[in-house]
Amino acid sequence: MAHDRTLPVLVVDDYRDIVRLLTNLLHHLGFSDVDGAMNGAEALRKLRKRNYALVLCDWNMEPMTGLQLLREIRADADLQDLPFIMVTAESKTEHVVAAKRAGVSNYIMKPFNAHVVRNRIEATLGAFAPLET
């Protein structure tokens, strides 16, 4: 099944440059509705107000980490099935295992490129529908 790239995506990272980079990359991949949040607490507020199709989230943030956000999402009946991709420099086995146990949909290691992001999104959501020209 092809994924509808008009559905909203939320990018969560405490570095504005990473939010901007991922937003631009998602736009380049054909996603037309990309929103940003600077930490897990802000993201959770946005997630409870709007239906997102996907979350791309950093691990290390304050006051709520990406892992804490993921756990909150999986514990919320309205959000528990939301696809969630962790985007992080945390490569330690225990971090990957913790994210898996918490219900992460996929994992992207920093630094990343457009090819990796596209592959992880497709692995999570399904193939992209062709862009209309």
C-alpha atoms as a PDB file:
ATOM      1  CA  MET A   1       0.000   0.000   0.000  1.00  0.00           C
ATOM      2  CA  ALA A   2       1.358   3.427  -0.918  1.00  0.00           C
ATOM      3  CA  HIS A   3       1.709   6.037   1.804  1.00  0.00           C
ATOM      4  CA  ASP A   4      -0.165   9.333   1.448  1.00  0.00           C
ATOM      5  CA  ARG A   5       2.447  12.090   1.774  1.00  0.00           C
ATOM      6  CA  THR A   6      -0.206  14.767   2.342  1.00  0.00           C
ATOM      7  CA  LEU A   7      -0.752  13.440   5.884  1.00  0.00           C
ATOM      8  CA  PRO A   8       0.982  15.475   8.630  1.00  0.00           C
ATOM      9  CA  VAL A   9       4.377  14.500  10.047  1.00  0.00           C
ATOM     10  CA  LEU A  10       5.836  15.765  13.335  1.00  0.00           C
ATOM     11  CA  VAL A  11       9.605  16.292  13.679  1.00  0.00           C
ATOM     12  CA  VAL A  12      10.860  16.564  17.271  1.00  0.00           C
ATOM     13  CA  ASP A  13      14.389  17.731  18.106  1.00  0.00           C
ATOM     14  CA  ASP A  14      15.821  20.292  20.507  1.00  0.00           C
ATOM     15  CA  TYR A  15      18.114  21.637  17.771  1.00  0.00           C
ATOM     16  CA  ARG A  16      16.262  23.945  15.399  1.00  0.00           C
ATOM     17  CA  ASP A  17      18.752  23.139  12.640  1.00  0.00           C
ATOM     18  CA  ILE A  18      17.887  19.421  12.809  1.00  0.00           C
ATOM     19  CA  VAL A  19      14.146  20.201  12.740  1.00  0.00           C
ATOM     20  CA  ARG A  20      14.765  22.435   9.711  1.00  0.00           C
ATOM     21  CA  LEU A  21      16.996  19.829   8.025  1.00  0.00           C
ATOM     22  CA  LEU A  22      14.473  17.012   8.479  1.00  0.00           C
ATOM     23  CA  THR A  23      11.586  19.275   7.458  1.00  0.00           C
ATOM     24  CA  ASN A  24      13.391  20.224   4.239  1.00  0.00           C
ATOM     25  CA  LEU A  25      14.322  16.600   3.579  1.00  0.00           C
ATOM     26  CA  LEU A  26      10.699  15.502   4.114  1.00  0.00           C
ATOM     27  CA  HIS A  27       9.487  18.253   1.773  1.00  0.00           C
ATOM     28  CA  HIS A  28      12.027  17.042  -0.800  1.00  0.00           C
ATOM     29  CA  LEU A  29      10.588  13.529  -0.396  1.00  0.00           C
ATOM     30  CA  GLY A  30       7.128  14.918  -1.135  1.00  0.00           C
ATOM     31  CA  PHE A  31       5.667  15.386   2.344  1.00  0.00           C
ATOM     32  CA  SER A  32       3.614  18.569   2.203  1.00  0.00           C
ATOM     33  CA  ASP A  33       2.587  18.955   5.860  1.00  0.00           C
ATOM     34  CA  VAL A  34       5.525  18.874   8.291  1.00  0.00           C
ATOM     35  CA  ASP A  35       5.350  20.363  11.779  1.00  0.00           C
ATOM     36  CA  GLY A  36       8.118  20.761  14.353  1.00  0.00           C
ATOM     37  CA  ALA A  37       8.487  20.586  18.128  1.00  0.00           C
ATOM     38  CA  MET A  38      11.534  21.467  20.226  1.00  0.00           C
ATOM     39  CA  ASN A  39      11.080  18.791  22.928  1.00  0.00           C
ATOM     40  CA  GLY A  40       8.961  15.842  23.954  1.00  0.00           C
ATOM     41  CA  ALA A  41       6.572  17.856  26.132  1.00  0.00           C
ATOM     42  CA  GLU A  42       5.774  20.265  23.283  1.00  0.00           C
ATOM     43  CA  ALA A  43       5.392  17.311  20.926  1.00  0.00           C
ATOM     44  CA  LEU A  44       2.942  15.562  23.248  1.00  0.00           C
ATOM     45  CA  ARG A  45       0.779  18.702  23.428  1.00  0.00           C
ATOM     46  CA  LYS A  46       0.732  18.879  19.609  1.00  0.00           C
ATOM     47  CA  LEU A  47      -0.005  15.163  19.269  1.00  0.00           C
ATOM     48  CA  ARG A  48      -3.049  15.489  21.518  1.00  0.00           C
ATOM     49  CA  LYS A  49      -4.425  18.362  19.404  1.00  0.00           C
ATOM     50  CA  ARG A  50      -3.827  17.027  15.889  1.00  0.00           C
ATOM     51  CA  ASN A  51      -3.725  13.655  14.150  1.00  0.00           C
ATOM     52  CA  TYR A  52      -0.238  13.013  12.803  1.00  0.00           C
ATOM     53  CA  ALA A  53       0.667  10.128  10.498  1.00  0.00           C
ATOM     54  CA  LEU A  54       4.280   9.841  11.688  1.00  0.00           C
ATOM     55  CA  VAL A  55       6.698  11.136  14.331  1.00  0.00           C
ATOM     56  CA  LEU A  56      10.457  11.495  13.757  1.00  0.00           C
ATOM     57  CA  CYS A  57      12.009  12.195  17.154  1.00  0.00           C
ATOM     58  CA  ASP A  58      15.419  12.763  18.713  1.00  0.00           C
ATOM     59  CA  TRP A  59      16.363  10.817  21.854  1.00  0.00           C
ATOM     60  CA  ASN A  60      18.240  13.424  23.931  1.00  0.00           C
ATOM     61  CA  MET A  61      16.003  16.360  24.860  1.00  0.00           C
ATOM     62  CA  GLU A  62      14.788  18.136  27.988  1.00  0.00           C
ATOM     63  CA  PRO A  63      12.391  18.241  29.794  1.00  0.00           C
ATOM     64  CA  MET A  64      11.050  15.065  28.141  1.00  0.00           C
ATOM     65  CA  THR A  65      13.343  12.747  26.190  1.00  0.00           C
ATOM     66  CA  GLY A  66      12.372  10.991  23.004  1.00  0.00           C
ATOM     67  CA  LEU A  67      12.162   7.698  24.880  1.00  0.00           C
ATOM     68  CA  GLN A  68       9.825   9.239  27.468  1.00  0.00           C
ATOM     69  CA  LEU A  69       7.694  10.669  24.649  1.00  0.00           C
ATOM     70  CA  LEU A  70       7.546   7.261  22.981  1.00  0.00           C
ATOM     71  CA  ARG A  71       6.415   5.651  26.250  1.00  0.00           C
ATOM     72  CA  GLU A  72       3.723   8.327  26.710  1.00  0.00           C
ATOM     73  CA  ILE A  73       2.485   7.755  23.165  1.00  0.00           C
ATOM     74  CA  ARG A  74       2.345   3.966  23.560  1.00  0.00           C
ATOM     75  CA  ALA A  75       0.434   4.363  26.866  1.00  0.00           C
ATOM     76  CA  ASP A  76      -2.194   6.659  25.298  1.00  0.00           C
ATOM     77  CA  ALA A  77      -5.111   4.777  23.699  1.00  0.00           C
ATOM     78  CA  ASP A  78      -5.586   7.554  21.112  1.00  0.00           C
ATOM     79  CA  LEU A  79      -1.906   7.609  20.071  1.00  0.00           C
ATOM     80  CA  GLN A  80      -0.602   4.099  20.750  1.00  0.00           C
ATOM     81  CA  ASP A  81      -0.550   3.012  17.093  1.00  0.00           C
ATOM     82  CA  LEU A  82       1.199   6.145  15.805  1.00  0.00           C
ATOM     83  CA  PRO A  83       4.319   5.255  13.785  1.00  0.00           C
ATOM     84  CA  PHE A  84       7.377   6.566  15.656  1.00  0.00           C
ATOM     85  CA  ILE A  85      10.925   6.719  14.263  1.00  0.00           C
ATOM     86  CA  MET A  86      13.731   7.535  16.705  1.00  0.00           C
ATOM     87  CA  VAL A  87      16.399   9.734  15.089  1.00  0.00           C
ATOM     88  CA  THR A  88      19.475   9.757  17.301  1.00  0.00           C
ATOM     89  CA  ALA A  89      23.215   9.526  17.734  1.00  0.00           C
ATOM     90  CA  GLU A  90      22.644   6.994  20.551  1.00  0.00           C
ATOM     91  CA  SER A  91      24.080   3.777  19.124  1.00  0.00           C
ATOM     92  CA  LYS A  92      24.614   1.864  22.357  1.00  0.00           C
ATOM     93  CA  THR A  93      22.911  -1.515  22.319  1.00  0.00           C
ATOM     94  CA  GLU A  94      20.994  -0.724  25.518  1.00  0.00           C
ATOM     95  CA  HIS A  95      19.469   2.378  23.886  1.00  0.00           C
ATOM     96  CA  VAL A  96      18.324   0.437  20.844  1.00  0.00           C
ATOM     97  CA  VAL A  97      16.903  -2.316  23.093  1.00  0.00           C
ATOM     98  CA  ALA A  98      15.116   0.252  25.304  1.00  0.00           C
ATOM     99  CA  ALA A  99      13.549   1.892  22.250  1.00  0.00           C
ATOM    100  CA  LYS A 100      12.445  -1.495  20.881  1.00  0.00           C
ATOM    101  CA  ARG A 101      10.917  -2.451  24.236  1.00  0.00           C
ATOM    102  CA  ALA A 102       9.086   0.887  24.339  1.00  0.00           C
ATOM    103  CA  GLY A 103       7.567   0.188  20.924  1.00  0.00           C
ATOM    104  CA  VAL A 104       9.644   2.230  18.484  1.00  0.00           C
ATOM    105  CA  SER A 105       8.649   1.640  14.855  1.00  0.00           C
ATOM    106  CA  ASN A 106      12.102   2.272  13.421  1.00  0.00           C
ATOM    107  CA  TYR A 107      15.501   3.809  14.230  1.00  0.00           C
ATOM    108  CA  ILE A 108      17.684   6.273  12.285  1.00  0.00           C
ATOM    109  CA  MET A 109      21.270   6.885  13.371  1.00  0.00           C
ATOM    110  CA  LYS A 110      22.828  10.363  13.068  1.00  0.00           C
ATOM    111  CA  PRO A 111      24.434  11.356  10.833  1.00  0.00           C
ATOM    112  CA  PHE A 112      21.891  10.332   8.223  1.00  0.00           C
ATOM    113  CA  ASN A 113      21.129  11.089   4.592  1.00  0.00           C
ATOM    114  CA  ALA A 114      17.983  11.355   2.471  1.00  0.00           C
ATOM    115  CA  HIS A 115      18.302   7.753   1.284  1.00  0.00           C
ATOM    116  CA  VAL A 116      18.351   6.384   4.859  1.00  0.00           C
ATOM    117  CA  VAL A 117      15.407   8.563   5.931  1.00  0.00           C
ATOM    118  CA  ARG A 118      13.350   7.524   2.911  1.00  0.00           C
ATOM    119  CA  ASN A 119      14.124   3.826   3.460  1.00  0.00           C
ATOM    120  CA  ARG A 120      13.182   3.958   7.157  1.00  0.00           C
ATOM    121  CA  ILE A 121       9.944   5.814   6.417  1.00  0.00           C
ATOM    122  CA  GLU A 122       9.043   3.332   3.680  1.00  0.00           C
ATOM    123  CA  ALA A 123       9.885   0.423   5.998  1.00  0.00           C
ATOM    124  CA  THR A 124       7.595   1.976   8.613  1.00  0.00           C
ATOM    125  CA  LEU A 125       4.696   3.308   6.532  1.00  0.00           C
ATOM    126  CA  GLY A 126       4.927   1.476   3.226  1.00  0.00           C
ATOM    127  CA  ALA A 127       6.030   2.505  -0.232  1.00  0.00           C
ATOM    128  CA  PHE A 128       5.545   6.069  -1.426  1.00  0.00           C
ATOM    129  CA  ALA A 129       2.847   6.766  -3.992  1.00  0.00           C
ATOM    130  CA  PRO A 130       4.296   8.443  -7.106  1.00  0.00           C
ATOM    131  CA  LEU A 131       4.340  12.223  -6.847  1.00  0.00           C
ATOM    132  CA  GLU A 132       1.850  13.971  -9.094  1.00  0.00           C
ATOM    133  CA  THR A 133       3.424  16.285 -11.617  1.00  0.00           C
END
